[in-house]
């Protein structure tokens, strides 16, 4: 009988992977990636060419200088940094932030793996981080999905240390890599400095997973508001105009701080709403990434 990750991946392969296959690879090819070169052919020498690449055997045979032409190896290592903190459990059953995180992780692992790239994962919460070493196969994508299915080691009453999450990714990725951070970015720590350090050594992309509950206070009279990270509860009047204004101001300030920090670090951040079609959201991410490519 198929496991939950197998059923989920099969559904995503039909609905999402086929629509995106090929697009993601092209959107993530830059001069920074690839540690090797592949010989692709010969061409006549022109003034200004690097003489070190002259093929002397062919030159002697044709009595005309010819160069060996190479292309850069485009395979890369991708690390998925997966936020498994308590706030990621927010959202409606079956379509909460942790559900979207799992779908994104499986899709990205499958897409990058199909292109021959190696994909690893760091599952981070306020317990002990778990690591899935890089691999390429469909079975490997399922292994990442199985790790996400396992019970989180989150400790109650603590908030996510975003700085430690990013620092852990930096310690894990020793060679230059593409690091995709999947998180709601709700937590503590001087994460901006950690992000800047990470972005200096690697290419970093942030996928910010957002649920309506993160941004909107429902008008439902007296309600119990709970801090998703600490579990602290407070009874508030959600219809209070002043409270609603203060809540909106706090949301706007949080978003502005996040955008400014990402901008200073040179890291693109893409918003993924839990109520949005995943394929459409990823197509938009790929398009925006392509627009930024040199």
Protein backbone atom coordinates (compact mmCIF):
# COMPACT_ATOMS: atom_id res chain seq x y z
CA UNK A 1 0.00 0.00 0.00
CA UNK A 2 1.34 3.43 -0.95
CA UNK A 3 2.53 5.68 1.84
CA UNK A 4 1.21 9.20 2.34
CA UNK A 5 4.32 10.79 0.74
CA UNK A 6 3.99 8.42 -2.25
CA UNK A 7 0.33 9.33 -2.77
CA UNK A 8 1.11 13.02 -2.41
CA UNK A 9 4.05 12.90 -4.81
CA UNK A 10 2.03 10.98 -7.41
CA UNK A 11 -0.69 13.64 -7.28
CA UNK A 12 1.86 16.45 -7.49
CA UNK A 13 3.65 14.81 -10.43
CA UNK A 14 0.41 14.85 -12.40
CA UNK A 15 -0.75 18.32 -11.37
CA UNK A 16 2.44 20.32 -10.87
CA UNK A 17 5.71 18.64 -11.89
CA UNK A 18 4.70 18.05 -15.52
CA UNK A 19 3.71 21.70 -15.91
CA UNK A 20 7.02 22.94 -14.53
CA UNK A 21 9.51 20.35 -15.77
CA UNK A 22 12.22 22.10 -17.78
CA UNK A 23 11.29 25.61 -16.69
CA UNK A 24 12.96 25.39 -13.30
CA UNK A 25 16.26 24.14 -14.68
CA UNK A 26 16.57 27.03 -17.12
CA UNK A 27 15.67 29.61 -14.50
CA UNK A 28 18.49 28.49 -12.21
CA UNK A 29 21.59 28.46 -14.41
CA UNK A 30 24.17 31.10 -13.64
CA UNK A 31 27.91 31.50 -13.86
CA UNK A 32 28.19 30.56 -10.19
CA UNK A 33 27.08 26.96 -10.63
CA UNK A 34 29.00 23.98 -11.80
CA UNK A 35 32.43 22.89 -10.65
CA UNK A 36 33.49 21.08 -13.84
CA UNK A 37 33.59 21.53 -17.62
CA UNK A 38 32.52 19.37 -20.54
CA UNK A 39 34.26 19.26 -23.95
CA UNK A 40 31.74 20.13 -26.68
CA UNK A 41 33.79 20.59 -29.87
CA UNK A 42 36.33 22.62 -31.82
CA UNK A 43 36.35 25.97 -33.58
CA UNK A 44 38.87 28.09 -35.48
CA UNK A 45 41.15 30.29 -33.40
CA UNK A 46 40.38 34.05 -33.36
CA UNK A 47 42.47 36.94 -32.11
CA UNK A 48 42.06 37.35 -28.36
CA UNK A 49 41.22 33.69 -27.67
CA UNK A 50 42.98 31.91 -24.82
CA UNK A 51 45.95 30.11 -26.41
CA UNK A 52 45.91 27.55 -23.60
CA UNK A 53 42.83 26.00 -25.22
CA UNK A 54 44.47 25.40 -28.59
CA UNK A 55 44.29 21.76 -29.70
CA UNK A 56 47.77 21.31 -31.17
CA UNK A 57 47.06 17.94 -32.74
CA UNK A 58 44.10 19.27 -34.72
CA UNK A 59 46.01 22.47 -35.52
CA UNK A 60 48.91 20.46 -37.00
CA UNK A 61 46.54 18.24 -38.97
CA UNK A 62 44.52 21.10 -40.47
CA UNK A 63 47.39 23.55 -40.64
CA UNK A 64 45.16 26.16 -38.96
CA UNK A 65 44.85 26.97 -35.22
CA UNK A 66 41.78 25.43 -33.59
CA UNK A 67 40.47 25.73 -30.03
CA UNK A 68 38.89 23.12 -27.84
CA UNK A 69 35.46 24.46 -26.72
CA UNK A 70 34.04 23.64 -23.32
CA UNK A 71 30.76 24.26 -21.53
CA UNK A 72 30.39 24.58 -17.80
CA UNK A 73 28.96 21.68 -15.89
CA UNK A 74 25.53 22.95 -14.83
CA UNK A 75 24.76 20.36 -12.20
CA UNK A 76 24.43 21.83 -8.73
CA UNK A 77 23.63 20.89 -5.20
CA UNK A 78 20.34 22.22 -3.87
CA UNK A 79 19.58 22.42 -0.16
CA UNK A 80 15.97 22.79 0.96
CA UNK A 81 15.80 24.48 4.36
CA UNK A 82 12.42 23.45 5.76
CA UNK A 83 10.92 25.34 8.70
CA UNK A 84 9.12 22.83 10.91
CA UNK A 85 8.35 25.25 13.75
CA UNK A 86 5.01 25.51 15.55
CA UNK A 87 3.81 28.54 13.58
CA UNK A 88 3.96 26.46 10.39
CA UNK A 89 1.01 24.41 11.71
CA UNK A 90 -1.35 27.36 11.17
CA UNK A 91 -4.07 27.14 8.55
CA UNK A 92 -7.14 25.10 7.76
CA UNK A 93 -6.95 21.30 7.98
CA UNK A 94 -5.40 19.77 4.88
CA UNK A 95 -4.17 23.11 3.56
CA UNK A 96 -2.15 24.62 6.35
CA UNK A 97 1.32 26.04 6.00
CA UNK A 98 2.94 22.72 6.86
CA UNK A 99 0.90 21.03 4.10
CA UNK A 100 2.07 23.57 1.52
CA UNK A 101 5.64 23.20 2.81
CA UNK A 102 5.48 19.44 2.22
CA UNK A 103 4.11 19.92 -1.30
CA UNK A 104 6.75 22.48 -2.18
CA UNK A 105 9.54 20.29 -0.81
CA UNK A 106 8.41 17.27 -2.84
CA UNK A 107 7.92 19.27 -6.04
CA UNK A 108 11.28 21.03 -5.79
CA UNK A 109 13.15 17.83 -4.89
CA UNK A 110 11.57 16.03 -7.85
CA UNK A 111 12.10 18.85 -10.34
CA UNK A 112 15.72 19.52 -9.46
CA UNK A 113 16.46 15.81 -9.17
CA UNK A 114 15.03 15.13 -12.65
CA UNK A 115 17.56 17.63 -13.99
CA UNK A 116 20.43 15.62 -12.54
CA UNK A 117 21.01 17.93 -9.61
CA UNK A 118 21.53 16.66 -6.08
CA UNK A 119 18.94 17.76 -3.53
CA UNK A 120 19.34 17.63 0.23
CA UNK A 121 17.10 18.88 3.03
CA UNK A 122 17.50 20.45 6.45
CA UNK A 123 14.40 20.09 8.61
CA UNK A 124 14.59 22.71 11.33
CA UNK A 125 12.42 23.28 14.36
CA UNK A 126 13.17 24.20 17.95
CA UNK A 127 14.34 20.67 18.63
CA UNK A 128 17.21 18.85 16.93
CA UNK A 129 17.57 19.63 13.20
CA UNK A 130 17.33 16.65 10.88
CA UNK A 131 19.35 16.31 7.68
CA UNK A 132 18.61 14.35 4.52
CA UNK A 133 21.89 14.14 2.52
CA UNK A 134 21.77 15.19 -1.14
CA UNK A 135 20.44 12.72 -3.71
CA UNK A 136 18.74 12.73 -7.11
CA UNK A 137 16.16 9.97 -7.47
CA UNK A 138 12.41 9.86 -7.02
CA UNK A 139 13.02 7.58 -4.06
CA UNK A 140 15.17 10.32 -2.59
CA UNK A 141 12.34 12.87 -2.92
CA UNK A 142 10.11 10.40 -1.08
CA UNK A 143 12.71 10.14 1.67
CA UNK A 144 12.43 13.91 2.21
CA UNK A 145 8.65 13.53 2.27
CA UNK A 146 8.89 10.74 4.83
CA UNK A 147 11.03 12.92 7.10
CA UNK A 148 8.41 15.65 6.89
CA UNK A 149 5.77 13.10 7.94
CA UNK A 150 7.65 12.26 11.11
CA UNK A 151 6.58 13.97 14.32
CA UNK A 152 8.31 17.28 14.88
CA UNK A 153 10.73 17.65 17.78
CA UNK A 154 9.48 21.17 18.53
CA UNK A 155 9.71 22.22 22.15
CA UNK A 156 6.62 24.00 23.46
CA UNK A 157 6.98 27.56 24.69
CA UNK A 158 9.89 28.50 22.45
CA UNK A 159 10.06 30.52 19.24
CA UNK A 160 11.96 29.67 16.09
CA UNK A 161 15.50 31.01 16.02
CA UNK A 162 15.64 32.06 12.38
CA UNK A 163 19.30 33.01 12.70
CA UNK A 164 20.22 29.53 13.91
CA UNK A 165 18.20 27.97 11.09
CA UNK A 166 20.17 29.95 8.49
CA UNK A 167 23.48 29.36 10.27
CA UNK A 168 22.75 25.63 10.34
CA UNK A 169 22.23 25.73 6.57
CA UNK A 170 25.57 27.51 6.19
CA UNK A 171 27.39 24.88 8.22
CA UNK A 172 25.74 22.13 6.20
CA UNK A 173 26.46 23.48 2.70
CA UNK A 174 30.24 23.47 2.53
CA UNK A 175 30.49 23.94 -1.25
CA UNK A 176 28.66 26.62 -3.16
CA UNK A 177 25.02 25.61 -3.58
CA UNK A 178 21.54 26.84 -4.27
CA UNK A 179 19.75 27.16 -0.93
CA UNK A 180 15.97 27.43 -0.94
CA UNK A 181 14.52 28.50 2.42
CA UNK A 182 10.88 27.51 2.94
CA UNK A 183 9.46 29.28 5.98
CA UNK A 184 6.85 31.74 7.21
CA UNK A 185 9.76 33.72 8.70
CA UNK A 186 7.97 34.10 12.02
CA UNK A 187 10.52 33.87 14.81
CA UNK A 188 13.38 35.47 16.67
CA UNK A 189 17.10 35.98 16.23
CA UNK A 190 19.31 38.35 14.26
CA UNK A 191 18.38 36.51 11.08
CA UNK A 192 19.39 39.32 8.71
CA UNK A 193 23.08 39.06 9.56
CA UNK A 194 22.92 35.27 9.22
CA UNK A 195 21.17 35.61 5.86
CA UNK A 196 23.84 37.98 4.59
CA UNK A 197 26.57 35.52 5.58
CA UNK A 198 24.74 32.70 3.82
CA UNK A 199 24.13 34.75 0.67
CA UNK A 200 27.80 35.68 0.39
CA UNK A 201 28.74 32.02 -0.08
CA UNK A 202 25.67 30.60 -1.79
CA UNK A 203 22.75 31.56 -3.98
CA UNK A 204 19.74 31.86 -1.68
CA UNK A 205 16.06 32.01 -2.57
CA UNK A 206 13.33 32.49 0.06
CA UNK A 207 9.85 31.03 -0.33
CA UNK A 208 7.68 32.65 2.32
CA UNK A 209 4.63 30.51 3.08
CA UNK A 210 1.71 32.64 4.28
CA UNK A 211 -1.77 31.78 5.52
CA UNK A 212 -4.69 34.21 5.80
CA UNK A 213 -4.50 33.83 9.58
CA UNK A 214 -1.07 35.48 9.49
CA UNK A 215 -2.44 38.68 7.96
CA UNK A 216 -6.13 39.03 8.79
CA UNK A 217 -7.95 39.33 12.11
CA UNK A 218 -11.46 37.89 11.69
CA UNK A 219 -14.42 39.99 12.87
CA UNK A 220 -15.93 37.45 15.25
CA UNK A 221 -16.34 39.32 18.53
CA UNK A 222 -14.48 37.87 21.49
CA UNK A 223 -11.91 35.35 20.31
CA UNK A 224 -8.94 33.54 21.79
CA UNK A 225 -5.71 34.52 20.06
CA UNK A 226 -2.84 32.07 20.46
CA UNK A 227 0.80 32.65 19.67
CA UNK A 228 1.56 29.76 17.34
CA UNK A 229 5.18 29.61 18.48
CA UNK A 230 4.86 29.90 22.28
CA UNK A 231 1.29 28.73 22.87
CA UNK A 232 0.48 31.88 24.86
CA UNK A 233 -3.24 32.73 24.70
CA UNK A 234 -5.12 36.01 25.02
CA UNK A 235 -8.83 36.87 24.79
CA UNK A 236 -9.44 39.90 22.53
CA UNK A 237 -12.39 41.68 20.97
CA UNK A 238 -11.75 41.20 17.27
CA UNK A 239 -14.39 43.83 16.39
CA UNK A 240 -12.54 46.57 18.27
CA UNK A 241 -11.55 49.13 15.57
CA UNK A 242 -8.43 50.21 17.45
CA UNK A 243 -7.28 46.62 17.84
CA UNK A 244 -7.81 45.99 14.14
CA UNK A 245 -5.81 49.08 13.20
CA UNK A 246 -2.98 48.06 15.52
CA UNK A 247 -3.03 44.51 14.16
CA UNK A 248 -2.86 45.76 10.56
CA UNK A 249 -0.02 48.13 11.44
CA UNK A 250 1.91 45.27 13.09
CA UNK A 251 1.44 43.05 10.01
CA UNK A 252 2.59 45.83 7.68
CA UNK A 253 5.63 46.57 9.85
CA UNK A 254 6.57 42.87 9.95
CA UNK A 255 6.30 42.58 6.18
CA UNK A 256 8.33 45.75 5.65
CA UNK A 257 11.12 44.50 7.97
CA UNK A 258 11.24 41.19 6.17
CA UNK A 259 11.33 42.79 2.71
CA UNK A 260 14.04 45.25 3.75
CA UNK A 261 16.19 42.53 5.30
CA UNK A 262 15.90 40.32 2.21
CA UNK A 263 16.71 43.26 -0.04
CA UNK A 264 19.83 44.19 1.94
CA UNK A 265 21.00 40.57 1.75
CA UNK A 266 20.31 40.44 -1.98
CA UNK A 267 17.94 37.49 -1.53
CA UNK A 268 14.72 37.27 -3.58
CA UNK A 269 11.68 36.43 -1.47
CA UNK A 270 8.57 34.94 -3.06
CA UNK A 271 5.25 34.80 -1.24
CA UNK A 272 3.37 31.49 -1.45
CA UNK A 273 -0.18 31.75 -0.11
CA UNK A 274 -1.75 28.56 1.21
CA UNK A 275 -4.96 29.17 -0.74
CA UNK A 276 -3.20 29.59 -4.09
CA UNK A 277 -2.73 26.94 -6.79
CA UNK A 278 0.78 25.59 -6.25
CA UNK A 279 1.65 25.26 -9.94
CA UNK A 280 0.59 28.84 -10.66
CA UNK A 281 2.60 30.12 -7.72
CA UNK A 282 5.73 28.29 -8.85
CA UNK A 283 5.33 29.42 -12.46
CA UNK A 284 5.31 32.98 -11.13
CA UNK A 285 8.42 32.29 -9.03
CA UNK A 286 10.22 30.91 -12.09
CA UNK A 287 9.19 33.90 -14.19
CA UNK A 288 10.38 36.39 -11.59
CA UNK A 289 13.63 34.45 -11.17
CA UNK A 290 14.17 34.56 -14.92
CA UNK A 291 13.62 38.31 -14.92
CA UNK A 292 16.45 38.68 -12.39
CA UNK A 293 18.90 36.47 -14.28
CA UNK A 294 21.90 38.23 -15.87
